[in-house]
PDB file of N, CA and C in Angstrom:
ATOM      1  N   MET A   1     -38.099  91.914 -13.630  1.00  0.00           N
ATOM      2  CA  MET A   1     -37.378  91.410 -14.780  1.00  0.00           C
ATOM      3  C   MET A   1     -37.025  89.945 -14.553  1.00  0.00           C
ATOM      4  N   ASN A   2     -37.170  89.151 -15.582  1.00  0.00           N
ATOM      5  CA  ASN A   2     -36.723  87.760 -15.508  1.00  0.00           C
ATOM      6  C   ASN A   2     -35.231  87.724 -15.239  1.00  0.00           C
ATOM      7  N   LYS A   3     -34.763  86.606 -14.738  1.00  0.00           N
ATOM      8  CA  LYS A   3     -33.327  86.470 -14.524  1.00  0.00           C
ATOM      9  C   LYS A   3     -32.685  86.024 -15.832  1.00  0.00           C
ATOM     10  N   HIS A   4     -32.537  86.974 -16.742  1.00  0.00           N
ATOM     11  CA  HIS A   4     -31.902  86.683 -18.020  1.00  0.00           C
ATOM     12  C   HIS A   4     -30.442  86.322 -17.805  1.00  0.00           C
ATOM     13  N   VAL A   5     -29.911  85.563 -18.770  1.00  0.00           N
ATOM     14  CA  VAL A   5     -28.521  85.141 -18.718  1.00  0.00           C
ATOM     15  C   VAL A   5     -27.840  85.537 -20.016  1.00  0.00           C
ATOM     16  N   ALA A   6     -26.668  86.132 -19.910  1.00  0.00           N
ATOM     17  CA  ALA A   6     -25.872  86.484 -21.085  1.00  0.00           C
ATOM     18  C   ALA A   6     -24.863  85.385 -21.329  1.00  0.00           C
ATOM     19  N   GLU A   7     -24.833  84.903 -22.568  1.00  0.00           N
ATOM     20  CA  GLU A   7     -23.791  83.978 -22.999  1.00  0.00           C
ATOM     21  C   GLU A   7     -22.794  84.819 -23.780  1.00  0.00           C
ATOM     22  N   ILE A   8     -21.562  84.874 -23.313  1.00  0.00           N
ATOM     23  CA  ILE A   8     -20.551  85.740 -23.902  1.00  0.00           C
ATOM     24  C   ILE A   8     -19.391  84.871 -24.377  1.00  0.00           C
ATOM     25  N   VAL A   9     -19.152  84.917 -25.690  1.00  0.00           N
ATOM     26  CA  VAL A   9     -18.053  84.152 -26.269  1.00  0.00           C
ATOM     27  C   VAL A   9     -17.077  85.149 -26.868  1.00  0.00           C
ATOM     28  N   THR A  10     -15.830  85.119 -26.412  1.00  0.00           N
ATOM     29  CA  THR A  10     -14.785  85.986 -26.960  1.00  0.00           C
ATOM     30  C   THR A  10     -13.763  85.119 -27.675  1.00  0.00           C
ATOM     31  N   PHE A  11     -13.187  85.663 -28.744  1.00  0.00           N
ATOM     32  CA  PHE A  11     -12.259  84.884 -29.567  1.00  0.00           C
ATOM     33  C   PHE A  11     -11.563  85.793 -30.565  1.00  0.00           C
ATOM     34  N   HIS A  12     -10.594  85.240 -31.274  1.00  0.00           N
ATOM     35  CA  HIS A  12      -9.953  85.876 -32.424  1.00  0.00           C
ATOM     36  C   HIS A  12     -10.204  84.981 -33.627  1.00  0.00           C
ATOM     37  N   LEU A  13     -10.154  85.553 -34.799  1.00  0.00           N
ATOM     38  CA  LEU A  13     -10.326  84.762 -36.015  1.00  0.00           C
ATOM     39  C   LEU A  13      -9.043  84.017 -36.351  1.00  0.00           C
ATOM     40  N   ALA A  14      -9.207  82.872 -36.988  1.00  0.00           N
ATOM     41  CA  ALA A  14      -8.065  82.095 -37.457  1.00  0.00           C
ATOM     42  C   ALA A  14      -7.370  82.862 -38.575  1.00  0.00           C
ATOM     43  N   ASP A  15      -6.101  82.589 -38.768  1.00  0.00           N
ATOM     44  CA  ASP A  15      -5.343  83.231 -39.838  1.00  0.00           C
ATOM     45  C   ASP A  15      -6.039  83.013 -41.176  1.00  0.00           C
ATOM     46  N   GLY A  16      -6.157  84.081 -41.944  1.00  0.00           N
ATOM     47  CA  GLY A  16      -6.721  83.999 -43.282  1.00  0.00           C
ATOM     48  C   GLY A  16      -8.224  84.150 -43.364  1.00  0.00           C
ATOM     49  N   VAL A  17      -8.919  84.157 -42.225  1.00  0.00           N
ATOM     50  CA  VAL A  17     -10.377  84.319 -42.243  1.00  0.00           C
ATOM     51  C   VAL A  17     -10.681  85.807 -42.324  1.00  0.00           C
ATOM     52  N   LYS A  18     -11.446  86.187 -43.327  1.00  0.00           N
ATOM     53  CA  LYS A  18     -11.804  87.598 -43.526  1.00  0.00           C
ATOM     54  C   LYS A  18     -13.040  87.960 -42.709  1.00  0.00           C
ATOM     55  N   LYS A  19     -13.055  89.202 -42.248  1.00  0.00           N
ATOM     56  CA  LYS A  19     -14.138  89.694 -41.396  1.00  0.00           C
ATOM     57  C   LYS A  19     -15.504  89.438 -42.021  1.00  0.00           C
ATOM     58  N   GLN A  20     -15.720  89.855 -43.271  1.00  0.00           N
ATOM     59  CA  GLN A  20     -17.034  89.711 -43.880  1.00  0.00           C
ATOM     60  C   GLN A  20     -17.409  88.245 -44.081  1.00  0.00           C
ATOM     61  N   ASP A  21     -16.431  87.396 -44.369  1.00  0.00           N
ATOM     62  CA  ASP A  21     -16.710  85.967 -44.506  1.00  0.00           C
ATOM     63  C   ASP A  21     -17.185  85.382 -43.177  1.00  0.00           C
ATOM     64  N   PHE A  22     -16.580  85.836 -42.083  1.00  0.00           N
ATOM     65  CA  PHE A  22     -16.994  85.332 -40.782  1.00  0.00           C
ATOM     66  C   PHE A  22     -18.390  85.825 -40.423  1.00  0.00           C
ATOM     67  N   VAL A  23     -18.672  87.091 -40.690  1.00  0.00           N
ATOM     68  CA  VAL A  23     -20.011  87.623 -40.417  1.00  0.00           C
ATOM     69  C   VAL A  23     -21.050  86.825 -41.207  1.00  0.00           C
ATOM     70  N   THR A  24     -20.766  86.549 -42.456  1.00  0.00           N
ATOM     71  CA  THR A  24     -21.686  85.767 -43.290  1.00  0.00           C
ATOM     72  C   THR A  24     -21.878  84.371 -42.699  1.00  0.00           C
ATOM     73  N   LEU A  25     -20.806  83.760 -42.239  1.00  0.00           N
ATOM     74  CA  LEU A  25     -20.893  82.446 -41.611  1.00  0.00           C
ATOM     75  C   LEU A  25     -21.776  82.502 -40.357  1.00  0.00           C
ATOM     76  N   MET A  26     -21.583  83.503 -39.540  1.00  0.00           N
ATOM     77  CA  MET A  26     -22.380  83.619 -38.320  1.00  0.00           C
ATOM     78  C   MET A  26     -23.850  83.874 -38.631  1.00  0.00           C
ATOM     79  N   GLN A  27     -24.126  84.581 -39.714  1.00  0.00           N
ATOM     80  CA  GLN A  27     -25.515  84.812 -40.102  1.00  0.00           C
ATOM     81  C   GLN A  27     -26.216  83.494 -40.443  1.00  0.00           C
ATOM     82  N   LYS A  28     -25.452  82.481 -40.837  1.00  0.00           N
ATOM     83  CA  LYS A  28     -26.038  81.171 -41.126  1.00  0.00           C
ATOM     84  C   LYS A  28     -26.522  80.474 -39.858  1.00  0.00           C
ATOM     85  N   THR A  29     -26.105  80.953 -38.695  1.00  0.00           N
ATOM     86  CA  THR A  29     -26.565  80.379 -37.435  1.00  0.00           C
ATOM     87  C   THR A  29     -27.863  81.037 -36.951  1.00  0.00           C
ATOM     88  N   GLU A  30     -28.277  82.096 -37.620  1.00  0.00           N
ATOM     89  CA  GLU A  30     -29.420  82.880 -37.154  1.00  0.00           C
ATOM     90  C   GLU A  30     -30.700  82.060 -37.042  1.00  0.00           C
ATOM     91  N   GLY A  31     -31.006  81.273 -38.051  1.00  0.00           N
ATOM     92  CA  GLY A  31     -32.244  80.496 -38.018  1.00  0.00           C
ATOM     93  C   GLY A  31     -32.293  79.553 -36.827  1.00  0.00           C
ATOM     94  N   PHE A  32     -31.173  78.897 -36.554  1.00  0.00           N
ATOM     95  CA  PHE A  32     -31.103  77.995 -35.411  1.00  0.00           C
ATOM     96  C   PHE A  32     -31.320  78.754 -34.106  1.00  0.00           C
ATOM     97  N   VAL A  33     -30.587  79.859 -33.914  1.00  0.00           N
ATOM     98  CA  VAL A  33     -30.674  80.604 -32.654  1.00  0.00           C
ATOM     99  C   VAL A  33     -32.073  81.179 -32.460  1.00  0.00           C
ATOM    100  N   ARG A  34     -32.636  81.789 -33.494  1.00  0.00           N
ATOM    101  CA  ARG A  34     -33.980  82.368 -33.382  1.00  0.00           C
ATOM    102  C   ARG A  34     -35.034  81.334 -33.022  1.00  0.00           C
ATOM    103  N   ALA A  35     -34.855  80.112 -33.471  1.00  0.00           N
ATOM    104  CA  ALA A  35     -35.848  79.056 -33.241  1.00  0.00           C
ATOM    105  C   ALA A  35     -35.794  78.486 -31.826  1.00  0.00           C
ATOM    106  N   GLN A  36     -34.775  78.835 -31.060  1.00  0.00           N
ATOM    107  CA  GLN A  36     -34.614  78.259 -29.729  1.00  0.00           C
ATOM    108  C   GLN A  36     -35.506  78.955 -28.708  1.00  0.00           C
ATOM    109  N   SER A  37     -36.144  78.152 -27.903  1.00  0.00           N
ATOM    110  CA  SER A  37     -36.960  78.677 -26.815  1.00  0.00           C
ATOM    111  C   SER A  37     -36.062  79.450 -25.854  1.00  0.00           C
ATOM    112  N   GLY A  38     -36.482  80.638 -25.494  1.00  0.00           N
ATOM    113  CA  GLY A  38     -35.731  81.433 -24.533  1.00  0.00           C
ATOM    114  C   GLY A  38     -34.791  82.453 -25.130  1.00  0.00           C
ATOM    115  N   PHE A  39     -34.697  82.504 -26.461  1.00  0.00           N
ATOM    116  CA  PHE A  39     -33.819  83.499 -27.095  1.00  0.00           C
ATOM    117  C   PHE A  39     -34.389  84.897 -26.887  1.00  0.00           C
ATOM    118  N   VAL A  40     -33.525  85.849 -26.491  1.00  0.00           N
ATOM    119  CA  VAL A  40     -33.941  87.229 -26.262  1.00  0.00           C
ATOM    120  C   VAL A  40     -33.247  88.182 -27.227  1.00  0.00           C
ATOM    121  N   HIS A  41     -31.927  88.085 -27.345  1.00  0.00           N
ATOM    122  CA  HIS A  41     -31.160  89.093 -28.085  1.00  0.00           C
ATOM    123  C   HIS A  41     -29.789  88.520 -28.433  1.00  0.00           C
ATOM    124  N   ARG A  42     -29.237  88.975 -29.572  1.00  0.00           N
ATOM    125  CA  ARG A  42     -27.881  88.560 -29.944  1.00  0.00           C
ATOM    126  C   ARG A  42     -27.187  89.682 -30.702  1.00  0.00           C
ATOM    127  N   GLN A  43     -25.886  89.808 -30.481  1.00  0.00           N
ATOM    128  CA  GLN A  43     -25.068  90.734 -31.258  1.00  0.00           C
ATOM    129  C   GLN A  43     -23.657  90.196 -31.388  1.00  0.00           C
ATOM    130  N   LEU A  44     -23.021  90.565 -32.481  1.00  0.00           N
ATOM    131  CA  LEU A  44     -21.643  90.160 -32.764  1.00  0.00           C
ATOM    132  C   LEU A  44     -20.841  91.436 -32.960  1.00  0.00           C
ATOM    133  N   SER A  45     -19.703  91.526 -32.285  1.00  0.00           N
ATOM    134  CA  SER A  45     -18.888  92.739 -32.416  1.00  0.00           C
ATOM    135  C   SER A  45     -17.415  92.373 -32.536  1.00  0.00           C
ATOM    136  N   GLN A  46     -16.654  93.343 -33.072  1.00  0.00           N
ATOM    137  CA  GLN A  46     -15.203  93.175 -33.191  1.00  0.00           C
ATOM    138  C   GLN A  46     -14.525  94.402 -32.613  1.00  0.00           C
ATOM    139  N   GLY A  47     -13.517  94.181 -31.769  1.00  0.00           N
ATOM    140  CA  GLY A  47     -12.764  95.270 -31.173  1.00  0.00           C
ATOM    141  C   GLY A  47     -11.625  95.712 -32.067  1.00  0.00           C
ATOM    142  N   SER A  48     -11.093  96.869 -31.779  1.00  0.00           N
ATOM    143  CA  SER A  48      -9.987  97.411 -32.574  1.00  0.00           C
ATOM    144  C   SER A  48      -8.723  96.556 -32.453  1.00  0.00           C
ATOM    145  N   ASP A  49      -8.652  95.721 -31.406  1.00  0.00           N
ATOM    146  CA  ASP A  49      -7.495  94.834 -31.227  1.00  0.00           C
ATOM    147  C   ASP A  49      -7.662  93.500 -31.963  1.00  0.00           C
ATOM    148  N   GLY A  50      -8.769  93.348 -32.703  1.00  0.00           N
ATOM    149  CA  GLY A  50      -9.017  92.119 -33.446  1.00  0.00           C
ATOM    150  C   GLY A  50      -9.810  91.082 -32.672  1.00  0.00           C
ATOM    151  N   SER A  51     -10.105  91.363 -31.417  1.00  0.00           N
ATOM    152  CA  SER A  51     -10.914  90.419 -30.643  1.00  0.00           C
ATOM    153  C   SER A  51     -12.386  90.522 -31.064  1.00  0.00           C
ATOM    154  N   TRP A  52     -13.091  89.417 -30.962  1.00  0.00           N
ATOM    155  CA  TRP A  52     -14.512  89.347 -31.321  1.00  0.00           C
ATOM    156  C   TRP A  52     -15.307  88.948 -30.094  1.00  0.00           C
ATOM    157  N   THR A  53     -16.587  89.369 -30.059  1.00  0.00           N
ATOM    158  CA  THR A  53     -17.506  88.969 -29.001  1.00  0.00           C
ATOM    159  C   THR A  53     -18.848  88.608 -29.622  1.00  0.00           C
ATOM    160  N   ASP A  54     -19.316  87.410 -29.305  1.00  0.00           N
ATOM    161  CA  ASP A  54     -20.661  86.963 -29.658  1.00  0.00           C
ATOM    162  C   ASP A  54     -21.444  86.999 -28.356  1.00  0.00           C
ATOM    163  N   TYR A  55     -22.442  87.869 -28.285  1.00  0.00           N
ATOM    164  CA  TYR A  55     -23.168  88.151 -27.048  1.00  0.00           C
ATOM    165  C   TYR A  55     -24.629  87.766 -27.254  1.00  0.00           C
ATOM    166  N   VAL A  56     -25.095  86.770 -26.508  1.00  0.00           N
ATOM    167  CA  VAL A  56     -26.463  86.283 -26.655  1.00  0.00           C
ATOM    168  C   VAL A  56     -27.149  86.332 -25.295  1.00  0.00           C
ATOM    169  N   VAL A  57     -28.368  86.848 -25.261  1.00  0.00           N
ATOM    170  CA  VAL A  57     -29.136  86.880 -24.025  1.00  0.00           C
ATOM    171  C   VAL A  57     -30.251  85.839 -24.120  1.00  0.00           C
ATOM    172  N   TRP A  58     -30.352  85.032 -23.061  1.00  0.00           N
ATOM    173  CA  TRP A  58     -31.357  83.976 -22.951  1.00  0.00           C
ATOM    174  C   TRP A  58     -32.248  84.252 -21.751  1.00  0.00           C
ATOM    175  N   GLU A  59     -33.431  83.647 -21.742  1.00  0.00           N
ATOM    176  CA  GLU A  59     -34.380  83.848 -20.645  1.00  0.00           C
ATOM    177  C   GLU A  59     -33.851  83.368 -19.305  1.00  0.00           C
ATOM    178  N   ASN A  60     -33.056  82.276 -19.309  1.00  0.00           N
ATOM    179  CA  ASN A  60     -32.528  81.752 -18.054  1.00  0.00           C
ATOM    180  C   ASN A  60     -31.322  80.857 -18.322  1.00  0.00           C
ATOM    181  N   MET A  61     -30.663  80.441 -17.266  1.00  0.00           N
ATOM    182  CA  MET A  61     -29.435  79.661 -17.378  1.00  0.00           C
ATOM    183  C   MET A  61     -29.675  78.295 -18.017  1.00  0.00           C
ATOM    184  N   ALA A  62     -30.761  77.643 -17.670  1.00  0.00           N
ATOM    185  CA  ALA A  62     -31.031  76.309 -18.217  1.00  0.00           C
ATOM    186  C   ALA A  62     -31.149  76.362 -19.740  1.00  0.00           C
ATOM    187  N   LYS A  63     -31.843  77.354 -20.247  1.00  0.00           N
ATOM    188  CA  LYS A  63     -31.994  77.483 -21.698  1.00  0.00           C
ATOM    189  C   LYS A  63     -30.661  77.837 -22.351  1.00  0.00           C
ATOM    190  N   ALA A  64     -29.904  78.714 -21.735  1.00  0.00           N
ATOM    191  CA  ALA A  64     -28.597  79.108 -22.281  1.00  0.00           C
ATOM    192  C   ALA A  64     -27.683  77.895 -22.392  1.00  0.00           C
ATOM    193  N   GLN A  65     -27.623  77.103 -21.357  1.00  0.00           N
ATOM    194  CA  GLN A  65     -26.735  75.941 -21.362  1.00  0.00           C
ATOM    195  C   GLN A  65     -27.204  74.870 -22.336  1.00  0.00           C
ATOM    196  N   ALA A  66     -28.507  74.662 -22.431  1.00  0.00           N
ATOM    197  CA  ALA A  66     -29.037  73.665 -23.363  1.00  0.00           C
ATOM    198  C   ALA A  66     -28.721  74.035 -24.807  1.00  0.00           C
ATOM    199  N   VAL A  67     -28.891  75.299 -25.149  1.00  0.00           N
ATOM    200  CA  VAL A  67     -28.618  75.734 -26.515  1.00  0.00           C
ATOM    201  C   VAL A  67     -27.121  75.694 -26.799  1.00  0.00           C
ATOM    202  N   ALA A  68     -26.291  76.042 -25.836  1.00  0.00           N
ATOM    203  CA  ALA A  68     -24.838  75.991 -26.033  1.00  0.00           C
ATOM    204  C   ALA A  68     -24.410  74.575 -26.404  1.00  0.00           C
ATOM    205  N   GLN A  69     -24.996  73.578 -25.764  1.00  0.00           N
ATOM    206  CA  GLN A  69     -24.663  72.187 -26.085  1.00  0.00           C
ATOM    207  C   GLN A  69     -25.183  71.788 -27.454  1.00  0.00           C
ATOM    208  N   SER A  70     -26.425  72.141 -27.770  1.00  0.00           N
ATOM    209  CA  SER A  70     -26.995  71.729 -29.052  1.00  0.00           C
ATOM    210  C   SER A  70     -26.397  72.509 -30.220  1.00  0.00           C
ATOM    211  N   PHE A  71     -25.894  73.717 -29.971  1.00  0.00           N
ATOM    212  CA  PHE A  71     -25.249  74.509 -31.019  1.00  0.00           C
ATOM    213  C   PHE A  71     -24.086  73.724 -31.625  1.00  0.00           C
ATOM    214  N   MET A  72     -23.333  73.060 -30.766  1.00  0.00           N
ATOM    215  CA  MET A  72     -22.151  72.333 -31.223  1.00  0.00           C
ATOM    216  C   MET A  72     -22.504  71.103 -32.054  1.00  0.00           C
ATOM    217  N   GLN A  73     -23.757  70.690 -32.037  1.00  0.00           N
ATOM    218  CA  GLN A  73     -24.194  69.527 -32.809  1.00  0.00           C
ATOM    219  C   GLN A  73     -24.739  69.912 -34.183  1.00  0.00           C
ATOM    220  N   GLN A  74     -24.807  71.192 -34.476  1.00  0.00           N
ATOM    221  CA  GLN A  74     -25.382  71.664 -35.737  1.00  0.00           C
ATOM    222  C   GLN A  74     -24.358  71.563 -36.871  1.00  0.00           C
ATOM    223  N   ASP A  75     -24.874  71.469 -38.101  1.00  0.00           N
ATOM    224  CA  ASP A  75     -24.015  71.324 -39.285  1.00  0.00           C
ATOM    225  C   ASP A  75     -23.010  72.466 -39.434  1.00  0.00           C
ATOM    226  N   PHE A  76     -23.398  73.667 -39.011  1.00  0.00           N
ATOM    227  CA  PHE A  76     -22.512  74.824 -39.188  1.00  0.00           C
ATOM    228  C   PHE A  76     -21.419  74.904 -38.122  1.00  0.00           C
ATOM    229  N   ALA A  77     -21.544  74.180 -37.031  1.00  0.00           N
ATOM    230  CA  ALA A  77     -20.605  74.311 -35.908  1.00  0.00           C
ATOM    231  C   ALA A  77     -19.148  74.049 -36.285  1.00  0.00           C
ATOM    232  N   PRO A  78     -18.827  73.005 -37.061  1.00  0.00           N
ATOM    233  CA  PRO A  78     -17.417  72.806 -37.402  1.00  0.00           C
ATOM    234  C   PRO A  78     -16.825  73.979 -38.192  1.00  0.00           C
ATOM    235  N   MET A  79     -17.621  74.605 -39.060  1.00  0.00           N
ATOM    236  CA  MET A  79     -17.128  75.752 -39.825  1.00  0.00           C
ATOM    237  C   MET A  79     -16.902  76.954 -38.921  1.00  0.00           C
ATOM    238  N   VAL A  80     -17.818  77.166 -37.976  1.00  0.00           N
ATOM    239  CA  VAL A  80     -17.666  78.280 -37.035  1.00  0.00           C
ATOM    240  C   VAL A  80     -16.409  78.082 -36.190  1.00  0.00           C
ATOM    241  N   MET A  81     -16.233  76.880 -35.672  1.00  0.00           N
ATOM    242  CA  MET A  81     -15.069  76.613 -34.820  1.00  0.00           C
ATOM    243  C   MET A  81     -13.766  76.722 -35.612  1.00  0.00           C
ATOM    244  N   ALA A  82     -13.766  76.267 -36.871  1.00  0.00           N
ATOM    245  CA  ALA A  82     -12.558  76.338 -37.701  1.00  0.00           C
ATOM    246  C   ALA A  82     -12.181  77.780 -38.027  1.00  0.00           C
ATOM    247  N   ALA A  83     -13.161  78.685 -38.028  1.00  0.00           N
ATOM    248  CA  ALA A  83     -12.903  80.091 -38.346  1.00  0.00           C
ATOM    249  C   ALA A  83     -12.306  80.850 -37.158  1.00  0.00           C
ATOM    250  N   MET A  84     -12.353  80.240 -35.984  1.00  0.00           N
ATOM    251  CA  MET A  84     -11.790  80.874 -34.785  1.00  0.00           C
ATOM    252  C   MET A  84     -10.359  80.388 -34.579  1.00  0.00           C
ATOM    253  N   ALA A  85      -9.498  81.288 -34.163  1.00  0.00           N
ATOM    254  CA  ALA A  85      -8.107  80.919 -33.875  1.00  0.00           C
ATOM    255  C   ALA A  85      -8.079  79.883 -32.752  1.00  0.00           C
ATOM    256  N   PRO A  86      -7.289  78.844 -32.932  1.00  0.00           N
ATOM    257  CA  PRO A  86      -7.214  77.794 -31.900  1.00  0.00           C
ATOM    258  C   PRO A  86      -6.877  78.371 -30.530  1.00  0.00           C
ATOM    259  N   ASP A  87      -7.539  77.839 -29.542  1.00  0.00           N
ATOM    260  CA  ASP A  87      -7.292  78.185 -28.133  1.00  0.00           C
ATOM    261  C   ASP A  87      -7.595  79.627 -27.759  1.00  0.00           C
ATOM    262  N   THR A  88      -8.367  80.351 -28.604  1.00  0.00           N
ATOM    263  CA  THR A  88      -8.710  81.723 -28.225  1.00  0.00           C
ATOM    264  C   THR A  88     -10.154  81.853 -27.751  1.00  0.00           C
ATOM    265  N   ALA A  89     -10.998  80.880 -28.065  1.00  0.00           N
ATOM    266  CA  ALA A  89     -12.423  80.992 -27.708  1.00  0.00           C
ATOM    267  C   ALA A  89     -12.625  80.741 -26.218  1.00  0.00           C
ATOM    268  N   LYS A  90     -13.331  81.673 -25.597  1.00  0.00           N
ATOM    269  CA  LYS A  90     -13.682  81.550 -24.188  1.00  0.00           C
ATOM    270  C   LYS A  90     -15.173  81.868 -24.053  1.00  0.00           C
ATOM    271  N   MET A  91     -15.919  80.958 -23.434  1.00  0.00           N
ATOM    272  CA  MET A  91     -17.351  81.170 -23.247  1.00  0.00           C
ATOM    273  C   MET A  91     -17.650  81.240 -21.757  1.00  0.00           C
ATOM    274  N   ARG A  92     -18.525  82.172 -21.418  1.00  0.00           N
ATOM    275  CA  ARG A  92     -18.985  82.256 -20.038  1.00  0.00           C
ATOM    276  C   ARG A  92     -20.462  82.651 -20.044  1.00  0.00           C
ATOM    277  N   HIS A  93     -21.135  82.327 -18.967  1.00  0.00           N
ATOM    278  CA  HIS A  93     -22.527  82.724 -18.765  1.00  0.00           C
ATOM    279  C   HIS A  93     -22.583  83.618 -17.541  1.00  0.00           C
ATOM    280  N   GLU A  94     -23.317  84.713 -17.674  1.00  0.00           N
ATOM    281  CA  GLU A  94     -23.425  85.678 -16.581  1.00  0.00           C
ATOM    282  C   GLU A  94     -24.879  86.067 -16.391  1.00  0.00           C
ATOM    283  N   ASP A  95     -25.281  86.300 -15.138  1.00  0.00           N
ATOM    284  CA  ASP A  95     -26.614  86.830 -14.869  1.00  0.00           C
ATOM    285  C   ASP A  95     -26.683  88.269 -15.345  1.00  0.00           C
ATOM    286  N   VAL A  96     -27.749  88.594 -16.059  1.00  0.00           N
ATOM    287  CA  VAL A  96     -27.978  89.977 -16.487  1.00  0.00           C
ATOM    288  C   VAL A  96     -28.644  90.691 -15.320  1.00  0.00           C
ATOM    289  N   LEU A  97     -27.986  91.704 -14.806  1.00  0.00           N
ATOM    290  CA  LEU A  97     -28.491  92.422 -13.649  1.00  0.00           C
ATOM    291  C   LEU A  97     -29.294  93.654 -14.017  1.00  0.00           C
ATOM    292  N   TRP A  98     -29.051  94.168 -15.222  1.00  0.00           N
ATOM    293  CA  TRP A  98     -29.742  95.371 -15.661  1.00  0.00           C
ATOM    294  C   TRP A  98     -29.640  95.456 -17.166  1.00  0.00           C
ATOM    295  N   MET A  99     -30.717  95.863 -17.814  1.00  0.00           N
ATOM    296  CA  MET A  99     -30.715  96.057 -19.258  1.00  0.00           C
ATOM    297  C   MET A  99     -31.434  97.353 -19.565  1.00  0.00           C
ATOM    298  N   MET A 100     -30.953  98.031 -20.589  1.00  0.00           N
ATOM    299  CA  MET A 100     -31.612  99.238 -21.041  1.00  0.00           C
ATOM    300  C   MET A 100     -31.830  99.093 -22.537  1.00  0.00           C
ATOM    301  N   GLU A 101     -33.023  99.376 -22.991  1.00  0.00           N
ATOM    302  CA  GLU A 101     -33.337  99.295 -24.407  1.00  0.00           C
ATOM    303  C   GLU A 101     -33.680 100.680 -24.937  1.00  0.00           C
ATOM    304  N   ALA A 102     -33.553 100.832 -26.238  1.00  0.00           N
ATOM    305  CA  ALA A 102     -33.855 102.126 -26.870  1.00  0.00           C
ATOM    306  C   ALA A 102     -35.326 102.450 -26.766  1.00  0.00           C
TER     307      ALA A 102
END
Protein backbone atom coordinates (compact mmCIF):
# COMPACT_ATOMS: atom_id res chain seq x y z
CA MET A 1 0.00 0.00 0.00
CA ASN A 2 1.19 3.51 -0.74
CA LYS A 3 1.90 5.67 2.26
CA HIS A 4 -1.40 7.52 2.07
CA VAL A 5 -1.93 10.55 4.28
CA ALA A 6 -5.18 11.59 5.94
CA GLU A 7 -5.89 15.29 6.25
CA ILE A 8 -8.31 15.68 9.15
CA VAL A 9 -9.97 19.00 9.88
CA THR A 10 -12.26 19.27 12.92
CA PHE A 11 -14.38 22.31 13.70
CA HIS A 12 -17.77 23.68 14.76
CA LEU A 13 -20.02 25.82 12.62
CA ALA A 14 -20.30 29.54 13.24
CA ASP A 15 -23.48 30.79 14.90
CA GLY A 16 -26.38 30.92 12.47
CA VAL A 17 -24.86 28.62 9.83
CA LYS A 18 -27.32 25.85 8.96
CA LYS A 19 -26.15 22.29 8.41
CA GLN A 20 -27.52 21.96 4.87
CA ASP A 21 -26.13 25.36 3.86
CA PHE A 22 -22.68 24.27 5.01
CA VAL A 23 -22.91 20.94 3.18
CA THR A 24 -23.88 22.81 0.01
CA LEU A 25 -20.94 25.17 0.49
CA MET A 26 -18.53 22.26 0.92
CA GLN A 27 -19.90 20.61 -2.22
CA LYS A 28 -18.68 23.70 -4.10
CA THR A 29 -15.13 22.64 -3.22
CA GLU A 30 -15.57 19.25 -4.88
CA GLY A 31 -14.36 20.24 -8.34
CA PHE A 32 -11.17 21.72 -6.94
CA VAL A 33 -10.40 18.73 -4.69
CA ARG A 34 -11.17 16.13 -7.38
CA ALA A 35 -8.87 17.89 -9.84
CA GLN A 36 -5.87 17.70 -7.51
CA SER A 37 -3.17 15.16 -8.20
CA GLY A 38 -3.05 12.60 -5.42
CA PHE A 39 -6.68 12.81 -4.28
CA VAL A 40 -7.95 9.43 -3.01
CA HIS A 41 -11.06 9.90 -0.86
CA ARG A 42 -13.05 12.53 1.04
CA GLN A 43 -15.92 12.56 3.52
CA LEU A 44 -17.63 15.15 5.69
CA SER A 45 -19.35 14.17 8.92
CA GLN A 46 -21.06 15.77 11.90
CA GLY A 47 -21.08 14.39 15.43
CA SER A 48 -24.00 14.46 17.83
CA ASP A 49 -22.10 17.11 19.85
CA GLY A 50 -22.12 19.49 16.85
CA SER A 51 -18.50 18.90 15.93
CA TRP A 52 -17.66 18.42 12.24
CA THR A 53 -14.88 16.46 10.52
CA ASP A 54 -13.63 16.92 6.97
CA TYR A 55 -11.55 13.82 6.23
CA VAL A 56 -9.48 13.69 3.03
CA VAL A 57 -7.04 10.97 1.99
CA TRP A 58 -4.11 11.89 -0.27
CA GLU A 59 -1.47 9.73 -1.95
CA ASN A 60 1.33 11.21 0.17
CA MET A 61 2.28 14.01 2.55
CA ALA A 62 3.74 16.31 -0.10
CA LYS A 63 0.50 16.32 -2.08
CA ALA A 64 -1.62 16.76 1.06
CA GLN A 65 0.38 19.77 2.19
CA ALA A 66 0.48 21.36 -1.27
CA VAL A 67 -3.28 21.13 -1.67
CA ALA A 68 -3.89 22.43 1.87
CA GLN A 69 -1.96 25.58 0.96
CA SER A 70 -3.60 26.08 -2.43
CA PHE A 71 -7.08 25.40 -0.99
CA MET A 72 -6.81 28.61 1.01
CA GLN A 73 -6.15 30.58 -2.19
CA GLN A 74 -9.40 29.49 -3.87
CA ASP A 75 -12.43 31.78 -4.27
CA PHE A 76 -14.55 29.60 -1.98
CA ALA A 77 -12.03 29.57 0.92
CA PRO A 78 -13.19 32.79 2.63
CA MET A 79 -16.79 31.52 2.67
CA VAL A 80 -15.73 28.15 4.07
CA MET A 81 -13.64 29.77 6.79
CA ALA A 82 -16.42 32.25 7.67
CA ALA A 83 -18.86 29.34 8.13
CA MET A 84 -16.62 27.80 10.81
CA ALA A 85 -16.75 29.05 14.39
CA PRO A 86 -13.68 31.18 15.14
CA ASP A 87 -10.80 29.34 16.76
CA THR A 88 -12.42 25.90 16.47
CA ALA A 89 -10.76 24.63 13.27
CA LYS A 90 -7.89 22.22 13.82
CA MET A 91 -6.08 20.52 10.94
CA ARG A 92 -3.66 17.65 11.18
CA HIS A 93 -2.06 15.18 8.78
CA GLU A 94 -1.64 11.55 9.73
CA ASP A 95 -0.12 8.52 8.01
CA VAL A 96 -2.79 6.03 7.02
CA LEU A 97 -1.65 2.71 8.44
CA TRP A 98 -4.57 0.58 7.32
CA MET A 99 -7.65 1.02 5.15
CA MET A 100 -10.58 -1.23 4.49
CA GLU A 101 -12.97 -0.72 1.60
CA ALA A 102 -16.36 -2.25 0.89
